[in-house]
Structure formats: structure tokens, C-alpha cells
């Protein structure tokens, strides 16, 4: 079932007015979306980097370094498990009290859960309680992330001109590289300029403090959009409203599952060039972690440029065609690229540059590739569920699995894991085409 989207009500960045005189400014929506996504991904990357550099020593000092990172990655995955439950909870709040209330509660929960990690006691001080507290705060982040789905990306996509949908689809994805640039830059600064004792004593805490401040900024940036009358009207007119999760899944479960597997290659690739290589470099090489964090920040800049390029490519060749080609290229990448991480600084640099280029083009168009399958009334909740499950299946356990396989079987095994994601994407895209044809 492919939805016919209503004629766009805006073009460019000047804004427009609908038939009832309600102004709609796409640039304003885009800014709100990017700020919101940047804050979410910043929280995400701060915890991810700390899972490699901080938590193994502070929370899991009773095991060897590799096992400590694996334990940290297991806790890291809890947020992805909790996120669908957060979506269910906050969709209920959305229906009862509105998007502004939902966003306020969700972002304060996200910011509080993140900043409290900075006050986490050491295992040596409180024992296993430190592990339980870390797990609880990570679950809090996951539940909160389920509530940050504000509908702005859907509003942007549903109003996009027919020949510019790829361009507007890539805008929300820019939050990922922007969040990584800030997170990696902060950790690189404190890890590089502070003595090890001071970094582990207080330096690692600073990025978590910044996360709360960024969330507050993101909250006001989004509230000034979703709570204003003209956008409330647009959400209602476009039927971008919360529906019951159970009812949505019962009626359109096949679209949700296909949508979750369609971007699997992109999401698996996401962690294969961000979280996993940092753990490999820290554990198994003599390279400077600070230097590698700088490489990640530079790679994120390349990824952002590639995301922008994906908008042009998708509009010219089609979003699904682009995703299929990217999945094929990721499959090729998985066959040789992971071994570059064991080839010194030059190999790491080549891996990261080409990895971020490929990730950017793929990730830039992976969001909502099958969203048009949902009838308009169900698209808001359906897209949220697709996103939750895609992150859970494609990314939640990726750092743990990649590190575990590469530690026991070598980097080739990590490449096989990435290959499995590429295959899932190609199969899901093929099945989605057949599903649309039958519908």
C-alpha cells in the first residue's frame, strides 16, 4: 500500500501558507529536527565512548580489559531494548497530554539519566551496586529516547516536493555526525590534555554535564515548533498524531518488520565505523586513543558531507535504488575493510575515511524508506516503531557482537557480521517491493 502524499505546501526555505493561512517554514522545521537529533546522538556517543574508555576501569575492574568492554557493551545495548517500551509509554502521554508534554518529560528524563552517569560511584566503593546503577541509567536513556520522536521529520517528509524528497529525508540524519563530532572532540580534548589520573578522576565527567545542557537547548528549540498554533494545526491536518502501539502493530506489523530490516546494513555499518573500531584500537593496538578520536571526528565531517550528497543521489536515482546499491557496497566493504584496523595508523585512516563515506550515503536515506507504506493516520507511530526496531536489530548489539567475534575469530568475523546486515537490507527491500505490488 503506497500512500499518495498531498501536494506540498512549501518549497525552498522561504516558507508558505496553507489554505487556512497557517504559516509553515521548512527551514525552521529542519533546524529543530537537526538540533533535536544532534542532542540525542550526542548522548548516545558520550555513553558509547565512555563504554570503551571509562566504564571497564571504573565499573568492571574485576575482569580483564576485553571482558570489561564486552560487559560495558552489554549494558550499552539495554537502551535499545528499552526504547520500544519508551515509545509505547510516551505515545500514550502524547495522546492524552500532547507532544509538548511528551517531549518535555522525555528530554528531561534523557538529560537526567545521562548527567547522573557522571556521578556514578566506582565498583571499588560500592561493589555490584555500581553495575546496577549504570544499567538503570542506561535503561532510563532508552525509555527517554522512545519519547523524543516529535513528528517533525514526518512533517518535513510529508510536505516535501516530489522531486526533493531525498534532500529533505537526509536532513534529520545530520544529527548523527554532528553529535559524534562534539562527543569525540570533547573526549579527545580531555583524554589528550589531562594526565590519566585526572581524566579518570573528573575529566570524563564533563561530556556528560554538557549532554544535559544540550538537551535543554534541544527541548526549547523543539517546543517552539511543536507547541505553536500553526504547527499544531499542521500536525492535525497531516494526521501526524499518536495512535495506539498495539493497534498499529496489529494492523501494519508486516510493514513495521520490513521497515526495521530495510536499513539494517546502514545501522550495522553505523557501529562498525564509530564504536567498534575505537574499542579495537584501544584494546589491541598501540595507537593513541586521542588520535583515533580525532580521526573519528574528522570521519564524522566526511560522513556529514556524504549524507548531504545522498540527498542529491536519492533524488536522481531513487532512494530505494540508492539503499540497494549501498547495501551491495557495504557487503564488498565487509569482505576486506575490517582487516585494515590491524594495519597500523594508515590502515585505520583508510578504513575510517571510506567507512564514513559509505555510511553517510547509506545512512542519509535509510530513515523512513518504507514509511510511505503506512496510511497517513498511522505513519507517526508506525515510523517510530520502525526506527526503534531497526536500531535494536541493526545496532543495539553490534559493538558487542563485533568485538566478541573479532576477539575470538579475528577481524574477518566482524566483517561477516556486517555482511549479514547488508544481506538483510537487500532481502527486505526486495520483499517490500513485492509487498507493495501485492497491495
Protein backbone atom coordinates (compact mmCIF):
# COMPACT_ATOMS: atom_id res chain seq x y z
CA UNK A 1 0.00 0.00 0.00
CA UNK A 2 1.76 3.12 -1.16
CA UNK A 3 0.39 6.39 0.13
CA UNK A 4 -0.26 9.29 -2.19
CA UNK A 5 1.17 12.30 -0.43
CA UNK A 6 -0.75 15.53 -0.65
CA UNK A 7 0.63 18.35 -2.69
CA UNK A 8 3.47 20.08 -0.92
CA UNK A 9 2.67 23.26 0.92
CA UNK A 10 6.14 24.71 0.77
CA UNK A 11 9.32 24.77 -1.20
CA UNK A 12 12.75 26.15 -0.54
CA UNK A 13 13.34 27.96 2.72
CA UNK A 14 11.01 30.89 2.49
CA UNK A 15 8.01 29.18 3.98
CA UNK A 16 4.44 29.16 2.72
CA UNK A 17 0.88 29.34 3.88
CA UNK A 18 -1.82 26.72 3.68
CA UNK A 19 -5.42 27.31 2.75
CA UNK A 20 -6.34 28.34 6.28
CA UNK A 21 -3.48 30.87 6.50
CA UNK A 22 -1.24 28.86 8.80
CA UNK A 23 2.42 29.56 8.08
CA UNK A 24 4.79 26.64 7.60
CA UNK A 25 8.53 27.28 7.48
CA UNK A 26 10.58 24.27 6.32
CA UNK A 27 13.88 25.83 7.39
CA UNK A 28 12.56 26.25 10.91
CA UNK A 29 11.42 22.62 10.97
CA UNK A 30 14.80 21.48 9.64
CA UNK A 31 16.68 23.42 12.32
CA UNK A 32 14.51 21.93 15.05
CA UNK A 33 14.99 18.43 13.69
CA UNK A 34 18.78 18.74 13.42
CA UNK A 35 19.16 20.24 16.91
CA UNK A 36 16.95 17.53 18.38
CA UNK A 37 18.75 14.68 16.65
CA UNK A 38 22.16 16.14 17.49
CA UNK A 39 21.32 16.17 21.20
CA UNK A 40 20.08 12.57 21.07
CA UNK A 41 23.14 11.30 19.21
CA UNK A 42 25.48 13.28 21.43
CA UNK A 43 24.06 11.46 24.47
CA UNK A 44 24.39 8.24 22.53
CA UNK A 45 28.06 8.76 21.62
CA UNK A 46 29.09 10.07 25.03
CA UNK A 47 27.88 6.84 26.61
CA UNK A 48 29.41 4.75 23.81
CA UNK A 49 32.86 6.32 24.13
CA UNK A 50 32.73 6.01 27.92
CA UNK A 51 31.85 2.33 27.47
CA UNK A 52 35.29 1.87 25.95
CA UNK A 53 37.43 4.34 27.88
CA UNK A 54 35.83 4.68 31.32
CA UNK A 55 33.37 2.03 32.44
CA UNK A 56 35.67 -1.01 32.11
CA UNK A 57 38.11 0.53 34.62
CA UNK A 58 35.56 2.10 36.97
CA UNK A 59 32.68 -0.40 36.89
CA UNK A 60 34.29 -3.66 35.81
CA UNK A 61 37.82 -3.63 37.30
CA UNK A 62 37.46 -7.24 38.44
CA UNK A 63 37.79 -8.66 34.90
CA UNK A 64 40.33 -8.34 32.09
CA UNK A 65 40.08 -5.29 29.81
CA UNK A 66 38.41 -7.11 26.89
CA UNK A 67 35.75 -8.64 29.11
CA UNK A 68 35.23 -5.27 30.77
CA UNK A 69 34.47 -3.63 27.43
CA UNK A 70 32.16 -6.51 26.49
CA UNK A 71 30.26 -6.05 29.75
CA UNK A 72 30.03 -2.32 29.03
CA UNK A 73 28.71 -3.04 25.54
CA UNK A 74 26.09 -5.39 27.04
CA UNK A 75 24.83 -2.52 29.22
CA UNK A 76 25.08 -0.21 26.20
CA UNK A 77 22.57 -2.47 24.41
CA UNK A 78 19.97 -2.09 27.18
CA UNK A 79 18.85 1.29 25.83
CA UNK A 80 17.89 -0.26 22.51
CA UNK A 81 15.86 -2.93 24.28
CA UNK A 82 14.11 -0.33 26.43
CA UNK A 83 13.39 2.10 23.61
CA UNK A 84 10.26 0.35 22.22
CA UNK A 85 8.78 0.37 25.73
CA UNK A 86 9.53 4.09 25.89
CA UNK A 87 7.71 4.58 22.61
CA UNK A 88 4.65 2.80 23.98
CA UNK A 89 4.72 4.86 27.19
CA UNK A 90 5.25 8.24 25.54
CA UNK A 91 2.79 7.62 22.71
CA UNK A 92 0.21 7.21 25.46
CA UNK A 93 1.32 10.50 27.01
CA UNK A 94 1.19 12.09 23.55
CA UNK A 95 -2.41 11.00 23.01
CA UNK A 96 -3.51 12.18 26.45
CA UNK A 97 -1.49 15.35 27.00
CA UNK A 98 0.08 16.35 23.67
CA UNK A 99 3.51 16.46 22.08
CA UNK A 100 4.85 19.33 24.18
CA UNK A 101 4.28 17.44 27.43
CA UNK A 102 5.71 14.27 25.97
CA UNK A 103 8.86 15.99 24.73
CA UNK A 104 9.41 17.86 27.99
CA UNK A 105 9.22 14.70 30.09
CA UNK A 106 11.28 12.64 27.63
CA UNK A 107 14.12 15.13 27.22
CA UNK A 108 14.38 15.82 30.93
CA UNK A 109 14.49 12.06 31.55
CA UNK A 110 17.14 11.69 28.87
CA UNK A 111 19.24 14.56 30.21
CA UNK A 112 18.91 13.46 33.83
CA UNK A 113 19.76 9.82 33.06
CA UNK A 114 22.81 10.99 31.11
CA UNK A 115 24.15 13.53 33.60
CA UNK A 116 23.72 11.15 36.54
CA UNK A 117 26.20 8.80 34.89
CA UNK A 118 28.84 11.41 35.74
CA UNK A 119 28.15 10.80 39.44
CA UNK A 120 28.34 7.02 39.15
CA UNK A 121 30.34 5.57 42.05
CA UNK A 122 33.24 3.20 41.41
CA UNK A 123 32.92 -0.54 41.82
CA UNK A 124 35.66 -0.37 44.43
CA UNK A 125 33.46 1.92 46.54
CA UNK A 126 30.01 0.31 46.29
CA UNK A 127 30.60 -3.06 44.62
CA UNK A 128 27.95 -4.51 42.32
CA UNK A 129 25.65 -1.54 43.02
CA UNK A 130 27.74 0.45 40.52
CA UNK A 131 26.82 -2.05 37.79
CA UNK A 132 23.12 -1.94 38.64
CA UNK A 133 23.10 1.85 38.72
CA UNK A 134 24.81 2.06 35.34
CA UNK A 135 22.30 -0.40 33.87
CA UNK A 136 19.37 1.53 35.37
CA UNK A 137 20.58 4.84 33.95
CA UNK A 138 21.13 3.27 30.54
CA UNK A 139 17.59 1.90 30.58
CA UNK A 140 16.40 5.39 31.53
CA UNK A 141 18.16 6.75 28.44
CA UNK A 142 16.48 4.13 26.27
CA UNK A 143 12.99 4.81 27.62
CA UNK A 144 13.54 8.54 27.14
CA UNK A 145 14.72 8.08 23.56
CA UNK A 146 11.41 6.39 22.83
CA UNK A 147 9.72 9.65 23.76
CA UNK A 148 11.86 12.01 21.70
CA UNK A 149 10.01 11.11 18.49
CA UNK A 150 8.46 14.52 17.80
CA UNK A 151 6.95 14.09 14.33
CA UNK A 152 8.93 16.95 12.82
CA UNK A 153 10.80 14.65 10.44
CA UNK A 154 7.48 13.18 9.30
CA UNK A 155 6.02 16.66 8.81
CA UNK A 156 9.06 17.62 6.79
CA UNK A 157 8.88 14.50 4.62
CA UNK A 158 5.13 14.65 4.01
CA UNK A 159 5.39 18.24 2.78
CA UNK A 160 8.47 17.68 0.63
CA UNK A 161 8.15 18.31 -3.10
CA UNK A 162 8.07 15.11 -5.14
CA UNK A 163 11.47 15.73 -6.73
CA UNK A 164 13.19 16.77 -3.49
CA UNK A 165 12.21 14.03 -1.07
CA UNK A 166 15.71 12.61 -0.91
CA UNK A 167 17.08 16.02 0.01
CA UNK A 168 14.61 16.59 2.84
CA UNK A 169 14.95 12.99 4.05
CA UNK A 170 18.66 13.39 4.72
CA UNK A 171 18.31 16.48 6.94
CA UNK A 172 17.35 14.66 10.17
CA UNK A 173 20.26 12.23 9.66
CA UNK A 174 22.78 15.05 10.02
CA UNK A 175 22.27 14.89 13.77
CA UNK A 176 24.37 11.72 13.96
CA UNK A 177 27.66 13.11 12.61
CA UNK A 178 27.14 16.42 14.42
CA UNK A 179 26.66 14.57 17.70
CA UNK A 180 29.75 12.44 17.09
CA UNK A 181 31.90 15.46 16.23
CA UNK A 182 31.08 17.13 19.56
CA UNK A 183 31.34 13.95 21.65
CA UNK A 184 34.60 12.71 20.09
CA UNK A 185 36.07 16.22 20.24
CA UNK A 186 35.32 16.62 23.94
CA UNK A 187 36.71 13.22 24.87
CA UNK A 188 39.78 13.78 22.68
CA UNK A 189 40.45 17.09 24.43
CA UNK A 190 40.17 15.78 27.97
CA UNK A 191 41.83 12.43 27.24
CA UNK A 192 44.69 14.10 25.38
CA UNK A 193 45.44 17.07 27.63
CA UNK A 194 44.81 15.67 31.09
CA UNK A 195 47.04 13.20 32.93
CA UNK A 196 45.43 9.76 33.12
CA UNK A 197 44.72 10.17 36.85
CA UNK A 198 42.84 13.41 36.34
CA UNK A 199 40.95 12.12 33.31
CA UNK A 200 39.61 9.15 35.28
CA UNK A 201 39.04 11.30 38.38
CA UNK A 202 36.95 14.05 36.76
CA UNK A 203 37.78 14.73 33.11
CA UNK A 204 35.49 12.02 31.72
CA UNK A 205 32.52 13.54 33.56
CA UNK A 206 32.49 16.82 31.65
CA UNK A 207 30.90 15.48 28.41
CA UNK A 208 28.02 14.11 30.49
CA UNK A 209 27.44 17.55 32.02
CA UNK A 210 27.44 19.07 28.54
CA UNK A 211 24.85 16.49 27.46
CA UNK A 212 22.29 17.86 29.93
CA UNK A 213 22.85 21.43 28.72
CA UNK A 214 22.46 20.38 25.08
CA UNK A 215 19.22 18.57 25.90
CA UNK A 216 17.79 21.72 27.48
CA UNK A 217 18.65 23.72 24.35
CA UNK A 218 17.13 20.99 22.16
CA UNK A 219 13.96 20.98 24.27
CA UNK A 220 13.30 24.69 23.78
CA UNK A 221 14.24 24.51 20.09
CA UNK A 222 11.65 21.81 19.50
CA UNK A 223 8.95 23.17 21.81
CA UNK A 224 8.91 26.49 19.98
CA UNK A 225 7.85 24.48 16.93
CA UNK A 226 5.58 21.69 18.15
CA UNK A 227 3.73 23.91 20.64
CA UNK A 228 2.93 26.84 18.33
CA UNK A 229 -0.59 27.03 16.85
CA UNK A 230 0.48 26.89 13.20
CA UNK A 231 2.41 23.65 13.69
CA UNK A 232 -0.23 22.12 15.93
CA UNK A 233 -2.62 22.76 13.05
CA UNK A 234 -0.22 21.14 10.58
CA UNK A 235 0.22 18.05 12.77
CA UNK A 236 -3.54 17.71 12.93
CA UNK A 237 -4.16 18.44 9.24
CA UNK A 238 -1.48 15.96 8.20
CA UNK A 239 -2.79 13.48 10.77
CA UNK A 240 0.65 13.25 12.40
CA UNK A 241 -0.87 12.07 15.65
CA UNK A 242 -0.10 9.22 18.02
CA UNK A 243 -2.10 6.03 17.56
CA UNK A 244 -2.16 3.04 19.86
CA UNK A 245 1.01 1.00 19.52
CA UNK A 246 -0.77 -2.33 19.77
CA UNK A 247 -3.35 -1.36 17.16
CA UNK A 248 -0.67 -0.04 14.80
CA UNK A 249 1.40 -3.19 15.12
CA UNK A 250 -1.60 -5.45 14.73
CA UNK A 251 -2.76 -3.76 11.53
CA UNK A 252 0.59 -2.96 9.91
CA UNK A 253 3.04 -5.31 11.59
CA UNK A 254 4.42 -6.58 8.28
CA UNK A 255 5.34 -3.05 7.22
CA UNK A 256 6.99 -2.43 10.59
CA UNK A 257 9.10 -5.59 10.37
CA UNK A 258 10.13 -4.95 6.76
CA UNK A 259 10.89 -1.34 7.63
CA UNK A 260 13.05 -2.44 10.56
CA UNK A 261 15.18 -4.74 8.42
CA UNK A 262 15.46 -2.44 5.39
CA UNK A 263 18.13 -0.16 6.97
CA UNK A 264 19.98 -2.99 8.73
CA UNK A 265 23.12 -2.57 6.61
CA UNK A 266 23.31 1.14 7.47
CA UNK A 267 22.76 0.62 11.19
CA UNK A 268 25.26 -2.24 11.41
CA UNK A 269 27.74 -0.09 9.50
CA UNK A 270 26.98 2.75 11.92
CA UNK A 271 28.66 0.97 14.82
CA UNK A 272 31.32 -0.66 12.69
CA UNK A 273 32.88 2.75 12.00
CA UNK A 274 32.12 4.51 15.29
CA UNK A 275 32.02 2.39 18.46
CA UNK A 276 33.66 -0.89 17.47
CA UNK A 277 36.89 0.46 15.92
CA UNK A 278 37.51 2.62 19.00
CA UNK A 279 37.34 -0.48 21.19
CA UNK A 280 39.66 -2.40 18.84
CA UNK A 281 42.25 0.37 18.73
CA UNK A 282 42.16 0.82 22.50
CA UNK A 283 42.43 -2.89 23.31
CA UNK A 284 44.60 -4.39 20.59
CA UNK A 285 46.85 -1.70 19.14
CA UNK A 286 49.49 0.74 20.36
CA UNK A 287 47.85 3.66 18.56
CA UNK A 288 46.86 6.74 20.54
CA UNK A 289 43.21 6.72 21.57
CA UNK A 290 43.21 10.52 21.50
CA UNK A 291 44.44 10.49 17.91
CA UNK A 292 41.80 7.96 16.93
CA UNK A 293 39.06 10.09 18.49
CA UNK A 294 40.24 12.97 16.31
CA UNK A 295 40.09 10.64 13.30
CA UNK A 296 36.51 9.79 14.26
CA UNK A 297 35.60 13.47 14.44
CA UNK A 298 37.14 14.09 11.02
CA UNK A 299 35.39 10.97 9.73
CA UNK A 300 32.10 12.37 11.03
CA UNK A 301 32.68 15.52 8.97
CA UNK A 302 33.18 13.32 5.91
CA UNK A 303 30.05 11.41 6.88
CA UNK A 304 28.05 14.64 7.09
CA UNK A 305 29.18 15.63 3.60
CA UNK A 306 28.23 12.17 2.34
CA UNK A 307 24.79 12.48 3.95
CA UNK A 308 24.20 15.74 2.08
CA UNK A 309 25.38 14.07 -1.14
CA UNK A 310 22.89 11.24 -0.53
CA UNK A 311 20.06 13.76 -0.90
CA UNK A 312 21.13 14.62 -4.45
CA UNK A 313 21.80 10.99 -5.36
CA UNK A 314 18.44 9.80 -4.00
CA UNK A 315 16.51 12.44 -5.91
CA UNK A 316 18.31 11.49 -9.11
CA UNK A 317 18.36 7.69 -8.84
CA UNK A 318 15.68 6.90 -6.26
CA UNK A 319 16.01 6.28 -2.53
CA UNK A 320 15.47 2.54 -2.66
CA UNK A 321 17.85 2.10 -5.58
CA UNK A 322 20.47 4.04 -3.63
CA UNK A 323 19.93 1.94 -0.50
CA UNK A 324 20.23 -1.27 -2.51
CA UNK A 325 23.49 -0.14 -4.12
CA UNK A 326 24.84 0.95 -0.74
CA UNK A 327 23.97 -2.43 0.76
CA UNK A 328 25.91 -4.10 -2.03
CA UNK A 329 28.89 -1.81 -1.46
CA UNK A 330 28.73 -2.47 2.29
CA UNK A 331 28.84 -6.19 1.51
CA UNK A 332 32.00 -5.62 -0.53
CA UNK A 333 33.43 -3.39 2.22
CA UNK A 334 32.81 -6.11 4.80
CA UNK A 335 35.00 -8.55 2.90
CA UNK A 336 38.29 -6.68 3.24
CA UNK A 337 37.98 -3.43 5.19
CA UNK A 338 37.88 -4.67 8.83
CA UNK A 339 41.35 -6.19 8.43
CA UNK A 340 42.68 -2.67 7.81
CA UNK A 341 42.25 -1.96 11.52
CA UNK A 342 45.21 -4.22 12.21
CA UNK A 343 47.46 -2.45 9.66
CA UNK A 344 48.54 0.49 11.77
CA UNK A 345 47.60 4.15 11.59
CA UNK A 346 47.44 4.23 7.78
CA UNK A 347 45.09 1.26 7.67
CA UNK A 348 42.88 2.76 10.36
CA UNK A 349 42.68 6.05 8.49
CA UNK A 350 41.73 4.35 5.21
CA UNK A 351 39.12 2.25 6.99
CA UNK A 352 37.55 5.27 8.68
CA UNK A 353 37.53 7.55 5.63
CA UNK A 354 35.93 5.04 3.27
CA UNK A 355 33.71 3.70 6.04
CA UNK A 356 32.26 7.11 6.83
CA UNK A 357 31.79 7.93 3.15
CA UNK A 358 29.80 4.75 2.62
CA UNK A 359 27.94 5.13 5.91
CA UNK A 360 26.95 8.71 5.11
CA UNK A 361 25.42 7.93 1.73
CA UNK A 362 23.59 4.90 3.13
CA UNK A 363 22.53 6.36 6.48
CA UNK A 364 21.38 9.57 4.84
CA UNK A 365 18.47 7.77 3.15
CA UNK A 366 17.80 4.79 5.41
CA UNK A 367 15.22 6.55 7.59
CA UNK A 368 11.64 6.03 6.52
CA UNK A 369 12.40 4.22 3.29
CA UNK A 370 9.14 2.28 3.67
CA UNK A 371 7.25 4.94 5.67
CA UNK A 372 5.04 5.65 2.69
CA UNK A 373 3.56 2.16 3.16
CA UNK A 374 1.71 3.41 6.22
CA UNK A 375 -1.57 5.23 5.79
CA UNK A 376 -1.19 8.81 6.89
CA UNK A 377 -3.03 8.34 10.18
CA UNK A 378 -0.64 5.56 11.27
CA UNK A 379 2.61 6.96 9.88
CA UNK A 380 3.67 8.84 13.02
CA UNK A 381 3.50 5.83 15.36
CA UNK A 382 4.46 3.33 12.66
CA UNK A 383 7.63 5.24 11.79
CA UNK A 384 8.59 5.43 15.47
CA UNK A 385 8.23 1.65 15.85
CA UNK A 386 10.22 1.05 12.68
CA UNK A 387 13.02 3.23 14.00
CA UNK A 388 13.03 1.50 17.40
CA UNK A 389 13.22 -2.00 15.95
CA UNK A 390 15.76 -1.05 13.29
CA UNK A 391 18.13 0.30 15.94
CA UNK A 392 17.51 -2.77 18.12
CA UNK A 393 18.11 -5.35 15.38
CA UNK A 394 20.79 -3.48 13.45
CA UNK A 395 22.77 -1.55 16.02
CA UNK A 396 21.92 -2.45 19.60
CA UNK A 397 24.19 -5.47 19.89
CA UNK A 398 26.58 -4.60 17.06
CA UNK A 399 29.53 -3.40 19.21
CA UNK A 400 29.27 -6.44 21.49
CA UNK A 401 28.96 -8.96 18.66
CA UNK A 402 31.68 -7.37 16.52
CA UNK A 403 34.16 -7.21 19.41
CA UNK A 404 33.35 -10.71 20.62
CA UNK A 405 33.71 -12.25 17.17
CA UNK A 406 36.88 -10.35 16.27
CA UNK A 407 38.50 -11.20 19.63
CA UNK A 408 37.85 -14.92 19.26
CA UNK A 409 37.87 -15.39 15.49
CA UNK A 410 39.66 -12.36 14.06
CA UNK A 411 38.54 -9.22 12.24
CA UNK A 412 37.24 -11.27 9.32
CA UNK A 413 34.44 -12.50 11.57
CA UNK A 414 33.40 -8.91 12.30
CA UNK A 415 33.21 -8.42 8.54
CA UNK A 416 30.86 -11.39 8.27
CA UNK A 417 28.56 -9.76 10.80
CA UNK A 418 28.47 -6.62 8.67
CA UNK A 419 27.82 -8.76 5.60
CA UNK A 420 24.76 -10.28 7.28
CA UNK A 421 23.31 -6.79 7.74
CA UNK A 422 23.83 -5.99 4.06
CA UNK A 423 22.07 -9.20 3.04
CA UNK A 424 19.12 -8.42 5.33
CA UNK A 425 18.75 -4.99 3.75
CA UNK A 426 18.73 -6.34 0.20
CA UNK A 427 16.17 -9.01 1.11
CA UNK A 428 13.95 -6.52 2.97
CA UNK A 429 13.98 -4.06 0.08
CA UNK A 430 13.09 -6.85 -2.32
CA UNK A 431 10.27 -8.09 -0.11
CA UNK A 432 8.95 -4.55 0.34
CA UNK A 433 8.70 -4.13 -3.44
CA UNK A 434 6.73 -7.41 -3.64
CA UNK A 435 4.53 -6.30 -0.74
CA UNK A 436 3.70 -3.00 -2.42
CA UNK A 437 2.94 -4.83 -5.67
CA UNK A 438 0.51 -7.19 -3.94
CA UNK A 439 -1.13 -4.33 -2.08
